[in-house]
Amino acid sequence: MSKFGLFGKFIVKDGERDTLVHILLEAAESMKNLDECEIYLVSVSEYESNSVYVYEVWSNEKAHKASLSLEVTQTLIKRAKPIITGMERMSTMNIMGGKGVSPNSY
């Protein structure tokens, strides 16, 4: 079975990119305790001052959805919502394997 991956983009109010980066890095820190979350990367582009990208790899889609209901996640979402002006799901992927991801069982 393949892993579940997401690549998303958040667009924030002017001057709020670093605030969202810090919130998302808190989310990444909270994911360290979840074995189902294998990768949670927060990135920015020097060409887009109001955008933050997140790349996630999960053991499965159900684990990702369950993480959204955690108290810590809900608290971080509440903090982030006022500064987010848009979101774009760049892609949803079936991760087949590679460096940084535990092996798949087929």
PDB file of N, CA and C in Angstrom:
ATOM      1  N   MET A   1       0.850  -1.177   0.000  1.00  0.00           N
ATOM      2  CA  MET A   1       0.000   0.000   0.000  1.00  0.00           C
ATOM      3  C   MET A   1       0.893   1.236   0.000  1.00  0.00           C
ATOM      4  N   SER A   2       0.564   2.221  -0.817  1.00  0.00           N
ATOM      5  CA  SER A   2       1.356   3.441  -0.896  1.00  0.00           C
ATOM      6  C   SER A   2       1.017   4.383   0.252  1.00  0.00           C
ATOM      7  N   LYS A   3       1.928   5.277   0.517  1.00  0.00           N
ATOM      8  CA  LYS A   3       1.736   6.301   1.537  1.00  0.00           C
ATOM      9  C   LYS A   3       0.864   7.412   0.959  1.00  0.00           C
ATOM     10  N   PHE A   4       0.386   8.307   1.829  1.00  0.00           N
ATOM     11  CA  PHE A   4      -0.426   9.440   1.416  1.00  0.00           C
ATOM     12  C   PHE A   4       0.412  10.701   1.531  1.00  0.00           C
ATOM     13  N   GLY A   5       0.477  11.466   0.464  1.00  0.00           N
ATOM     14  CA  GLY A   5       1.254  12.697   0.471  1.00  0.00           C
ATOM     15  C   GLY A   5       0.428  13.884   0.030  1.00  0.00           C
ATOM     16  N   LEU A   6       0.771  15.037   0.582  1.00  0.00           N
ATOM     17  CA  LEU A   6       0.119  16.299   0.221  1.00  0.00           C
ATOM     18  C   LEU A   6       1.183  17.350  -0.026  1.00  0.00           C
ATOM     19  N   PHE A   7       0.922  18.193  -1.004  1.00  0.00           N
ATOM     20  CA  PHE A   7       1.761  19.356  -1.236  1.00  0.00           C
ATOM     21  C   PHE A   7       0.812  20.531  -1.344  1.00  0.00           C
ATOM     22  N   GLY A   8       0.907  21.457  -0.396  1.00  0.00           N
ATOM     23  CA  GLY A   8      -0.034  22.571  -0.356  1.00  0.00           C
ATOM     24  C   GLY A   8       0.653  23.912  -0.238  1.00  0.00           C
ATOM     25  N   LYS A   9      -0.113  24.940  -0.563  1.00  0.00           N
ATOM     26  CA  LYS A   9       0.383  26.315  -0.522  1.00  0.00           C
ATOM     27  C   LYS A   9      -0.608  27.163   0.266  1.00  0.00           C
ATOM     28  N   PHE A  10      -0.086  27.913   1.238  1.00  0.00           N
ATOM     29  CA  PHE A  10      -0.875  28.872   1.994  1.00  0.00           C
ATOM     30  C   PHE A  10      -0.480  30.268   1.551  1.00  0.00           C
ATOM     31  N   ILE A  11      -1.448  31.129   1.363  1.00  0.00           N
ATOM     32  CA  ILE A  11      -1.196  32.525   1.043  1.00  0.00           C
ATOM     33  C   ILE A  11      -1.649  33.335   2.246  1.00  0.00           C
ATOM     34  N   VAL A  12      -0.790  34.261   2.689  1.00  0.00           N
ATOM     35  CA  VAL A  12      -1.058  35.013   3.904  1.00  0.00           C
ATOM     36  C   VAL A  12      -1.110  36.512   3.635  1.00  0.00           C
ATOM     37  N   LYS A  13      -1.627  37.231   4.614  1.00  0.00           N
ATOM     38  CA  LYS A  13      -1.665  38.690   4.541  1.00  0.00           C
ATOM     39  C   LYS A  13      -0.239  39.229   4.459  1.00  0.00           C
ATOM     40  N   ASP A  14      -0.096  40.424   3.875  1.00  0.00           N
ATOM     41  CA  ASP A  14       1.212  41.066   3.779  1.00  0.00           C
ATOM     42  C   ASP A  14       1.897  41.110   5.132  1.00  0.00           C
ATOM     43  N   GLY A  15       3.163  40.712   5.147  1.00  0.00           N
ATOM     44  CA  GLY A  15       3.960  40.778   6.358  1.00  0.00           C
ATOM     45  C   GLY A  15       3.739  39.661   7.356  1.00  0.00           C
ATOM     46  N   GLU A  16       2.907  38.685   7.032  1.00  0.00           N
ATOM     47  CA  GLU A  16       2.563  37.620   7.982  1.00  0.00           C
ATOM     48  C   GLU A  16       3.185  36.261   7.653  1.00  0.00           C
ATOM     49  N   ARG A  17       4.027  36.222   6.622  1.00  0.00           N
ATOM     50  CA  ARG A  17       4.594  34.934   6.227  1.00  0.00           C
ATOM     51  C   ARG A  17       5.371  34.290   7.374  1.00  0.00           C
ATOM     52  N   ASP A  18       6.228  35.048   8.039  1.00  0.00           N
ATOM     53  CA  ASP A  18       7.026  34.472   9.122  1.00  0.00           C
ATOM     54  C   ASP A  18       6.157  33.979  10.271  1.00  0.00           C
ATOM     55  N   THR A  19       5.054  34.675  10.526  1.00  0.00           N
ATOM     56  CA  THR A  19       4.133  34.237  11.574  1.00  0.00           C
ATOM     57  C   THR A  19       3.584  32.856  11.238  1.00  0.00           C
ATOM     58  N   LEU A  20       3.146  32.683   9.995  1.00  0.00           N
ATOM     59  CA  LEU A  20       2.610  31.376   9.603  1.00  0.00           C
ATOM     60  C   LEU A  20       3.709  30.319   9.609  1.00  0.00           C
ATOM     61  N   VAL A  21       4.899  30.668   9.174  1.00  0.00           N
ATOM     62  CA  VAL A  21       6.005  29.708   9.212  1.00  0.00           C
ATOM     63  C   VAL A  21       6.200  29.204  10.644  1.00  0.00           C
ATOM     64  N   HIS A  22       6.210  30.098  11.609  1.00  0.00           N
ATOM     65  CA  HIS A  22       6.394  29.688  12.999  1.00  0.00           C
ATOM     66  C   HIS A  22       5.257  28.787  13.484  1.00  0.00           C
ATOM     67  N   ILE A  23       4.033  29.108  13.109  1.00  0.00           N
ATOM     68  CA  ILE A  23       2.885  28.269  13.484  1.00  0.00           C
ATOM     69  C   ILE A  23       3.015  26.878  12.870  1.00  0.00           C
ATOM     70  N   LEU A  24       3.389  26.827  11.602  1.00  0.00           N
ATOM     71  CA  LEU A  24       3.517  25.536  10.927  1.00  0.00           C
ATOM     72  C   LEU A  24       4.706  24.738  11.454  1.00  0.00           C
ATOM     73  N   LEU A  25       5.760  25.415  11.867  1.00  0.00           N
ATOM     74  CA  LEU A  25       6.879  24.697  12.478  1.00  0.00           C
ATOM     75  C   LEU A  25       6.492  24.135  13.846  1.00  0.00           C
ATOM     76  N   GLU A  26       5.594  24.815  14.552  1.00  0.00           N
ATOM     77  CA  GLU A  26       5.036  24.246  15.782  1.00  0.00           C
ATOM     78  C   GLU A  26       4.248  22.984  15.450  1.00  0.00           C
ATOM     79  N   ALA A  27       3.490  23.038  14.358  1.00  0.00           N
ATOM     80  CA  ALA A  27       2.745  21.854  13.918  1.00  0.00           C
ATOM     81  C   ALA A  27       3.710  20.713  13.607  1.00  0.00           C
ATOM     82  N   ALA A  28       4.793  21.025  12.905  1.00  0.00           N
ATOM     83  CA  ALA A  28       5.794  20.007  12.577  1.00  0.00           C
ATOM     84  C   ALA A  28       6.371  19.388  13.842  1.00  0.00           C
ATOM     85  N   GLU A  29       6.631  20.221  14.827  1.00  0.00           N
ATOM     86  CA  GLU A  29       7.161  19.726  16.101  1.00  0.00           C
ATOM     87  C   GLU A  29       6.163  18.782  16.771  1.00  0.00           C
ATOM     88  N   SER A  30       4.885  19.132  16.728  1.00  0.00           N
ATOM     89  CA  SER A  30       3.866  18.276  17.345  1.00  0.00           C
ATOM     90  C   SER A  30       3.713  16.955  16.592  1.00  0.00           C
ATOM     91  N   MET A  31       4.059  16.932  15.313  1.00  0.00           N
ATOM     92  CA  MET A  31       3.946  15.706  14.521  1.00  0.00           C
ATOM     93  C   MET A  31       5.060  14.705  14.824  1.00  0.00           C
ATOM     94  N   LYS A  32       6.110  15.154  15.508  1.00  0.00           N
ATOM     95  CA  LYS A  32       7.220  14.251  15.838  1.00  0.00           C
ATOM     96  C   LYS A  32       6.759  13.076  16.690  1.00  0.00           C
ATOM     97  N   ASN A  33       5.678  13.252  17.422  1.00  0.00           N
ATOM     98  CA  ASN A  33       5.159  12.180  18.277  1.00  0.00           C
ATOM     99  C   ASN A  33       4.210  11.238  17.550  1.00  0.00           C
ATOM    100  N   LEU A  34       3.902  11.542  16.304  1.00  0.00           N
ATOM    101  CA  LEU A  34       2.994  10.699  15.522  1.00  0.00           C
ATOM    102  C   LEU A  34       3.796   9.856  14.531  1.00  0.00           C
ATOM    103  N   ASP A  35       3.865   8.566  14.770  1.00  0.00           N
ATOM    104  CA  ASP A  35       4.601   7.683  13.861  1.00  0.00           C
ATOM    105  C   ASP A  35       4.021   7.698  12.451  1.00  0.00           C
ATOM    106  N   GLU A  36       2.721   7.970  12.345  1.00  0.00           N
ATOM    107  CA  GLU A  36       2.054   7.960  11.034  1.00  0.00           C
ATOM    108  C   GLU A  36       2.496   9.125  10.149  1.00  0.00           C
ATOM    109  N   CYS A  37       3.024  10.184  10.753  1.00  0.00           N
ATOM    110  CA  CYS A  37       3.518  11.330   9.990  1.00  0.00           C
ATOM    111  C   CYS A  37       5.012  11.133   9.772  1.00  0.00           C
ATOM    112  N   GLU A  38       5.394  10.864   8.524  1.00  0.00           N
ATOM    113  CA  GLU A  38       6.792  10.591   8.223  1.00  0.00           C
ATOM    114  C   GLU A  38       7.553  11.843   7.806  1.00  0.00           C
ATOM    115  N   ILE A  39       6.882  12.754   7.135  1.00  0.00           N
ATOM    116  CA  ILE A  39       7.525  13.992   6.688  1.00  0.00           C
ATOM    117  C   ILE A  39       6.536  15.133   6.838  1.00  0.00           C
ATOM    118  N   TYR A  40       7.007  16.249   7.387  1.00  0.00           N
ATOM    119  CA  TYR A  40       6.203  17.468   7.470  1.00  0.00           C
ATOM    120  C   TYR A  40       7.184  18.622   7.270  1.00  0.00           C
ATOM    121  N   LEU A  41       7.296  19.102   6.047  1.00  0.00           N
ATOM    122  CA  LEU A  41       8.256  20.143   5.690  1.00  0.00           C
ATOM    123  C   LEU A  41       7.552  21.463   5.432  1.00  0.00           C
ATOM    124  N   VAL A  42       8.111  22.519   5.963  1.00  0.00           N
ATOM    125  CA  VAL A  42       7.594  23.876   5.766  1.00  0.00           C
ATOM    126  C   VAL A  42       8.645  24.631   4.954  1.00  0.00           C
ATOM    127  N   SER A  43       8.218  25.260   3.861  1.00  0.00           N
ATOM    128  CA  SER A  43       9.150  25.943   2.968  1.00  0.00           C
ATOM    129  C   SER A  43       8.595  27.278   2.515  1.00  0.00           C
ATOM    130  N   VAL A  44       9.507  28.169   2.131  1.00  0.00           N
ATOM    131  CA  VAL A  44       9.128  29.444   1.525  1.00  0.00           C
ATOM    132  C   VAL A  44       9.940  29.638   0.248  1.00  0.00           C
ATOM    133  N   SER A  45       9.442  30.501  -0.599  1.00  0.00           N
ATOM    134  CA  SER A  45      10.122  30.843  -1.844  1.00  0.00           C
ATOM    135  C   SER A  45      10.577  32.295  -1.778  1.00  0.00           C
ATOM    136  N   GLU A  46      11.775  32.558  -2.229  1.00  0.00           N
ATOM    137  CA  GLU A  46      12.261  33.938  -2.228  1.00  0.00           C
ATOM    138  C   GLU A  46      11.481  34.806  -3.210  1.00  0.00           C
ATOM    139  N   TYR A  47      10.707  34.191  -4.091  1.00  0.00           N
ATOM    140  CA  TYR A  47       9.957  34.928  -5.109  1.00  0.00           C
ATOM    141  C   TYR A  47       8.509  35.196  -4.727  1.00  0.00           C
ATOM    142  N   GLU A  48       8.047  34.608  -3.624  1.00  0.00           N
ATOM    143  CA  GLU A  48       6.657  34.769  -3.203  1.00  0.00           C
ATOM    144  C   GLU A  48       6.632  35.147  -1.721  1.00  0.00           C
ATOM    145  N   SER A  49       6.558  36.431  -1.453  1.00  0.00           N
ATOM    146  CA  SER A  49       6.677  36.908  -0.076  1.00  0.00           C
ATOM    147  C   SER A  49       5.457  36.614   0.792  1.00  0.00           C
ATOM    148  N   ASN A  50       4.352  36.195   0.194  1.00  0.00           N
ATOM    149  CA  ASN A  50       3.132  35.912   0.962  1.00  0.00           C
ATOM    150  C   ASN A  50       2.722  34.441   0.891  1.00  0.00           C
ATOM    151  N   SER A  51       3.647  33.569   0.525  1.00  0.00           N
ATOM    152  CA  SER A  51       3.308  32.153   0.379  1.00  0.00           C
ATOM    153  C   SER A  51       4.172  31.271   1.267  1.00  0.00           C
ATOM    154  N   VAL A  52       3.534  30.213   1.786  1.00  0.00           N
ATOM    155  CA  VAL A  52       4.224  29.194   2.565  1.00  0.00           C
ATOM    156  C   VAL A  52       3.780  27.838   2.013  1.00  0.00           C
ATOM    157  N   TYR A  53       4.736  26.967   1.764  1.00  0.00           N
ATOM    158  CA  TYR A  53       4.444  25.640   1.231  1.00  0.00           C
ATOM    159  C   TYR A  53       4.631  24.582   2.307  1.00  0.00           C
ATOM    160  N   VAL A  54       3.771  23.564   2.275  1.00  0.00           N
ATOM    161  CA  VAL A  54       3.894  22.441   3.213  1.00  0.00           C
ATOM    162  C   VAL A  54       3.838  21.151   2.400  1.00  0.00           C
ATOM    163  N   TYR A  55       4.805  20.281   2.665  1.00  0.00           N
ATOM    164  CA  TYR A  55       4.864  18.955   2.046  1.00  0.00           C
ATOM    165  C   TYR A  55       4.760  17.931   3.168  1.00  0.00           C
ATOM    166  N   GLU A  56       3.805  17.029   3.057  1.00  0.00           N
ATOM    167  CA  GLU A  56       3.562  16.035   4.100  1.00  0.00           C
ATOM    168  C   GLU A  56       3.545  14.634   3.510  1.00  0.00           C
ATOM    169  N   VAL A  57       4.053  13.669   4.265  1.00  0.00           N
ATOM    170  CA  VAL A  57       3.929  12.255   3.925  1.00  0.00           C
ATOM    171  C   VAL A  57       3.407  11.541   5.160  1.00  0.00           C
ATOM    172  N   TRP A  58       2.317  10.804   4.964  1.00  0.00           N
ATOM    173  CA  TRP A  58       1.636  10.075   6.034  1.00  0.00           C
ATOM    174  C   TRP A  58       1.561   8.601   5.682  1.00  0.00           C
ATOM    175  N   SER A  59       1.418   7.769   6.704  1.00  0.00           N
ATOM    176  CA  SER A  59       1.280   6.331   6.471  1.00  0.00           C
ATOM    177  C   SER A  59       0.047   6.023   5.635  1.00  0.00           C
ATOM    178  N   ASN A  60      -1.006   6.858   5.782  1.00  0.00           N
ATOM    179  CA  ASN A  60      -2.216   6.705   4.986  1.00  0.00           C
ATOM    180  C   ASN A  60      -3.078   7.961   5.148  1.00  0.00           C
ATOM    181  N   GLU A  61      -4.089   8.099   4.326  1.00  0.00           N
ATOM    182  CA  GLU A  61      -4.943   9.282   4.359  1.00  0.00           C
ATOM    183  C   GLU A  61      -5.731   9.380   5.665  1.00  0.00           C
ATOM    184  N   LYS A  62      -6.142   8.244   6.197  1.00  0.00           N
ATOM    185  CA  LYS A  62      -6.905   8.229   7.446  1.00  0.00           C
ATOM    186  C   LYS A  62      -6.083   8.846   8.589  1.00  0.00           C
ATOM    187  N   ALA A  63      -4.801   8.544   8.645  1.00  0.00           N
ATOM    188  CA  ALA A  63      -3.927   9.104   9.690  1.00  0.00           C
ATOM    189  C   ALA A  63      -3.829  10.618   9.551  1.00  0.00           C
ATOM    190  N   HIS A  64      -3.745  11.097   8.317  1.00  0.00           N
ATOM    191  CA  HIS A  64      -3.694  12.543   8.087  1.00  0.00           C
ATOM    192  C   HIS A  64      -4.975  13.203   8.582  1.00  0.00           C
ATOM    193  N   LYS A  65      -6.109  12.647   8.201  1.00  0.00           N
ATOM    194  CA  LYS A  65      -7.392  13.208   8.619  1.00  0.00           C
ATOM    195  C   LYS A  65      -7.535  13.199  10.138  1.00  0.00           C
ATOM    196  N   ALA A  66      -7.092  12.134  10.768  1.00  0.00           N
ATOM    197  CA  ALA A  66      -7.176  12.043  12.228  1.00  0.00           C
ATOM    198  C   ALA A  66      -6.330  13.123  12.891  1.00  0.00           C
ATOM    199  N   SER A  67      -5.203  13.462  12.302  1.00  0.00           N
ATOM    200  CA  SER A  67      -4.327  14.484  12.892  1.00  0.00           C
ATOM    201  C   SER A  67      -4.995  15.852  12.924  1.00  0.00           C
ATOM    202  N   LEU A  68      -5.908  16.087  12.006  1.00  0.00           N
ATOM    203  CA  LEU A  68      -6.582  17.385  11.941  1.00  0.00           C
ATOM    204  C   LEU A  68      -7.537  17.599  13.115  1.00  0.00           C
ATOM    205  N   SER A  69      -7.936  16.529  13.766  1.00  0.00           N
ATOM    206  CA  SER A  69      -8.857  16.662  14.900  1.00  0.00           C
ATOM    207  C   SER A  69      -8.146  16.727  16.247  1.00  0.00           C
ATOM    208  N   LEU A  70      -6.826  16.589  16.251  1.00  0.00           N
ATOM    209  CA  LEU A  70      -6.087  16.673  17.511  1.00  0.00           C
ATOM    210  C   LEU A  70      -6.205  18.071  18.103  1.00  0.00           C
ATOM    211  N   GLU A  71      -6.220  18.157  19.422  1.00  0.00           N
ATOM    212  CA  GLU A  71      -6.358  19.445  20.100  1.00  0.00           C
ATOM    213  C   GLU A  71      -5.254  20.418  19.704  1.00  0.00           C
ATOM    214  N   VAL A  72      -4.022  19.932  19.660  1.00  0.00           N
ATOM    215  CA  VAL A  72      -2.908  20.812  19.294  1.00  0.00           C
ATOM    216  C   VAL A  72      -3.075  21.348  17.869  1.00  0.00           C
ATOM    217  N   THR A  73      -3.533  20.505  16.970  1.00  0.00           N
ATOM    218  CA  THR A  73      -3.745  20.927  15.582  1.00  0.00           C
ATOM    219  C   THR A  73      -4.856  21.957  15.506  1.00  0.00           C
ATOM    220  N   GLN A  74      -5.942  21.725  16.209  1.00  0.00           N
ATOM    221  CA  GLN A  74      -7.056  22.675  16.203  1.00  0.00           C
ATOM    222  C   GLN A  74      -6.634  24.034  16.762  1.00  0.00           C
ATOM    223  N   THR A  75      -5.810  24.030  17.797  1.00  0.00           N
ATOM    224  CA  THR A  75      -5.313  25.282  18.381  1.00  0.00           C
ATOM    225  C   THR A  75      -4.458  26.041  17.370  1.00  0.00           C
ATOM    226  N   LEU A  76      -3.583  25.331  16.673  1.00  0.00           N
ATOM    227  CA  LEU A  76      -2.720  25.976  15.676  1.00  0.00           C
ATOM    228  C   LEU A  76      -3.534  26.496  14.488  1.00  0.00           C
ATOM    229  N   ILE A  77      -4.552  25.757  14.088  1.00  0.00           N
ATOM    230  CA  ILE A  77      -5.419  26.209  12.995  1.00  0.00           C
ATOM    231  C   ILE A  77      -6.113  27.508  13.377  1.00  0.00           C
ATOM    232  N   LYS A  78      -6.601  27.593  14.601  1.00  0.00           N
ATOM    233  CA  LYS A  78      -7.269  28.814  15.065  1.00  0.00           C
ATOM    234  C   LYS A  78      -6.327  30.010  15.051  1.00  0.00           C
ATOM    235  N   ARG A  79      -5.069  29.781  15.391  1.00  0.00           N
ATOM    236  CA  ARG A  79      -4.094  30.862  15.367  1.00  0.00           C
ATOM    237  C   ARG A  79      -3.758  31.295  13.941  1.00  0.00           C
ATOM    238  N   ALA A  80      -3.744  30.340  13.025  1.00  0.00           N
ATOM    239  CA  ALA A  80      -3.338  30.629  11.647  1.00  0.00           C
ATOM    240  C   ALA A  80      -4.454  31.244  10.810  1.00  0.00           C
ATOM    241  N   LYS A  81      -5.688  30.859  11.051  1.00  0.00           N
ATOM    242  CA  LYS A  81      -6.804  31.299  10.199  1.00  0.00           C
ATOM    243  C   LYS A  81      -6.866  32.802   9.958  1.00  0.00           C
ATOM    244  N   PRO A  82      -6.684  33.651  10.969  1.00  0.00           N
ATOM    245  CA  PRO A  82      -6.826  35.094  10.731  1.00  0.00           C
ATOM    246  C   PRO A  82      -5.814  35.695   9.755  1.00  0.00           C
ATOM    247  N   ILE A  83      -4.689  35.020   9.545  1.00  0.00           N
ATOM    248  CA  ILE A  83      -3.681  35.589   8.643  1.00  0.00           C
ATOM    249  C   ILE A  83      -3.648  34.924   7.277  1.00  0.00           C
ATOM    250  N   ILE A  84      -4.387  33.832   7.112  1.00  0.00           N
ATOM    251  CA  ILE A  84      -4.418  33.118   5.826  1.00  0.00           C
ATOM    252  C   ILE A  84      -5.477  33.735   4.926  1.00  0.00           C
ATOM    253  N   THR A  85      -5.070  34.092   3.708  1.00  0.00           N
ATOM    254  CA  THR A  85      -6.015  34.658   2.746  1.00  0.00           C
ATOM    255  C   THR A  85      -6.396  33.669   1.653  1.00  0.00           C
ATOM    256  N   GLY A  86      -5.662  32.569   1.565  1.00  0.00           N
ATOM    257  CA  GLY A  86      -5.987  31.566   0.556  1.00  0.00           C
ATOM    258  C   GLY A  86      -5.165  30.305   0.758  1.00  0.00           C
ATOM    259  N   MET A  87      -5.679  29.217   0.204  1.00  0.00           N
ATOM    260  CA  MET A  87      -4.973  27.938   0.257  1.00  0.00           C
ATOM    261  C   MET A  87      -5.143  27.258  -1.086  1.00  0.00           C
ATOM    262  N   GLU A  88      -4.135  26.504  -1.447  1.00  0.00           N
ATOM    263  CA  GLU A  88      -4.176  25.757  -2.698  1.00  0.00           C
ATOM    264  C   GLU A  88      -3.553  24.394  -2.466  1.00  0.00           C
ATOM    265  N   ARG A  89      -4.304  23.354  -2.761  1.00  0.00           N
ATOM    266  CA  ARG A  89      -3.741  22.007  -2.699  1.00  0.00           C
ATOM    267  C   ARG A  89      -3.064  21.779  -4.035  1.00  0.00           C
ATOM    268  N   MET A  90      -1.745  21.852  -4.008  1.00  0.00           N
ATOM    269  CA  MET A  90      -0.972  21.713  -5.238  1.00  0.00           C
ATOM    270  C   MET A  90      -1.131  20.303  -5.809  1.00  0.00           C
ATOM    271  N   SER A  91      -1.075  19.321  -4.892  1.00  0.00           N
ATOM    272  CA  SER A  91      -1.185  17.943  -5.344  1.00  0.00           C
ATOM    273  C   SER A  91      -1.424  17.020  -4.161  1.00  0.00           C
ATOM    274  N   THR A  92      -2.139  15.952  -4.413  1.00  0.00           N
ATOM    275  CA  THR A  92      -2.265  14.835  -3.496  1.00  0.00           C
ATOM    276  C   THR A  92      -1.573  13.674  -4.181  1.00  0.00           C
ATOM    277  N   MET A  93      -0.731  12.970  -3.449  1.00  0.00           N
ATOM    278  CA  MET A  93       0.107  11.961  -4.093  1.00  0.00           C
ATOM    279  C   MET A  93       0.052  10.631  -3.367  1.00  0.00           C
ATOM    280  N   ASN A  94       0.295   9.573  -4.114  1.00  0.00           N
ATOM    281  CA  ASN A  94       0.520   8.253  -3.554  1.00  0.00           C
ATOM    282  C   ASN A  94       2.029   8.064  -3.535  1.00  0.00           C
ATOM    283  N   ILE A  95       2.626   8.113  -2.353  1.00  0.00           N
ATOM    284  CA  ILE A  95       4.071   8.019  -2.198  1.00  0.00           C
ATOM    285  C   ILE A  95       4.471   6.547  -2.269  1.00  0.00           C
ATOM    286  N   MET A  96       5.367   6.219  -3.166  1.00  0.00           N
ATOM    287  CA  MET A  96       5.759   4.844  -3.380  1.00  0.00           C
ATOM    288  C   MET A  96       7.034   4.463  -2.620  1.00  0.00           C
ATOM    289  N   GLY A  97       7.820   5.448  -2.195  1.00  0.00           N
ATOM    290  CA  GLY A  97       9.037   5.165  -1.435  1.00  0.00           C
ATOM    291  C   GLY A  97      10.131   6.146  -1.783  1.00  0.00           C
ATOM    292  N   GLY A  98      11.286   5.961  -1.176  1.00  0.00           N
ATOM    293  CA  GLY A  98      12.432   6.812  -1.424  1.00  0.00           C
ATOM    294  C   GLY A  98      13.105   7.202  -0.128  1.00  0.00           C
ATOM    295  N   LYS A  99      14.166   7.977  -0.237  1.00  0.00           N
ATOM    296  CA  LYS A  99      14.927   8.400   0.929  1.00  0.00           C
ATOM    297  C   LYS A  99      14.041   9.253   1.847  1.00  0.00           C
ATOM    298  N   GLY A 100      14.066   8.953   3.128  1.00  0.00           N
ATOM    299  CA  GLY A 100      13.294   9.717   4.096  1.00  0.00           C
ATOM    300  C   GLY A 100      11.926   9.142   4.388  1.00  0.00           C
ATOM    301  N   VAL A 101      11.550   8.085   3.715  1.00  0.00           N
ATOM    302  CA  VAL A 101      10.232   7.485   3.898  1.00  0.00           C
ATOM    303  C   VAL A 101      10.430   5.997   4.197  1.00  0.00           C
ATOM    304  N   SER A 102       9.708   5.516   5.199  1.00  0.00           N
ATOM    305  CA  SER A 102       9.833   4.083   5.506  1.00  0.00           C
ATOM    306  C   SER A 102       9.320   3.263   4.321  1.00  0.00           C
ATOM    307  N   PRO A 103       9.840   2.058   4.179  1.00  0.00           N
ATOM    308  CA  PRO A 103       9.446   1.223   3.025  1.00  0.00           C
ATOM    309  C   PRO A 103       7.936   0.930   3.006  1.00  0.00           C
ATOM    310  N   ASN A 104       7.410   0.831   1.809  1.00  0.00           N
ATOM    311  CA  ASN A 104       6.009   0.452   1.620  1.00  0.00           C
ATOM    312  C   ASN A 104       5.884  -1.060   1.710  1.00  0.00           C
ATOM    313  N   SER A 105       4.706  -1.511   2.096  1.00  0.00           N
ATOM    314  CA  SER A 105       4.439  -2.955   2.044  1.00  0.00           C
ATOM    315  C   SER A 105       3.427  -3.178   0.929  1.00  0.00           C
ATOM    316  N   TYR A 106       3.826  -3.930  -0.062  1.00  0.00           N
ATOM    317  CA  TYR A 106       2.961  -4.162  -1.226  1.00  0.00           C
ATOM    318  C   TYR A 106       2.287  -5.509  -1.104  1.00  0.00           C
TER     319      TYR A 106
END
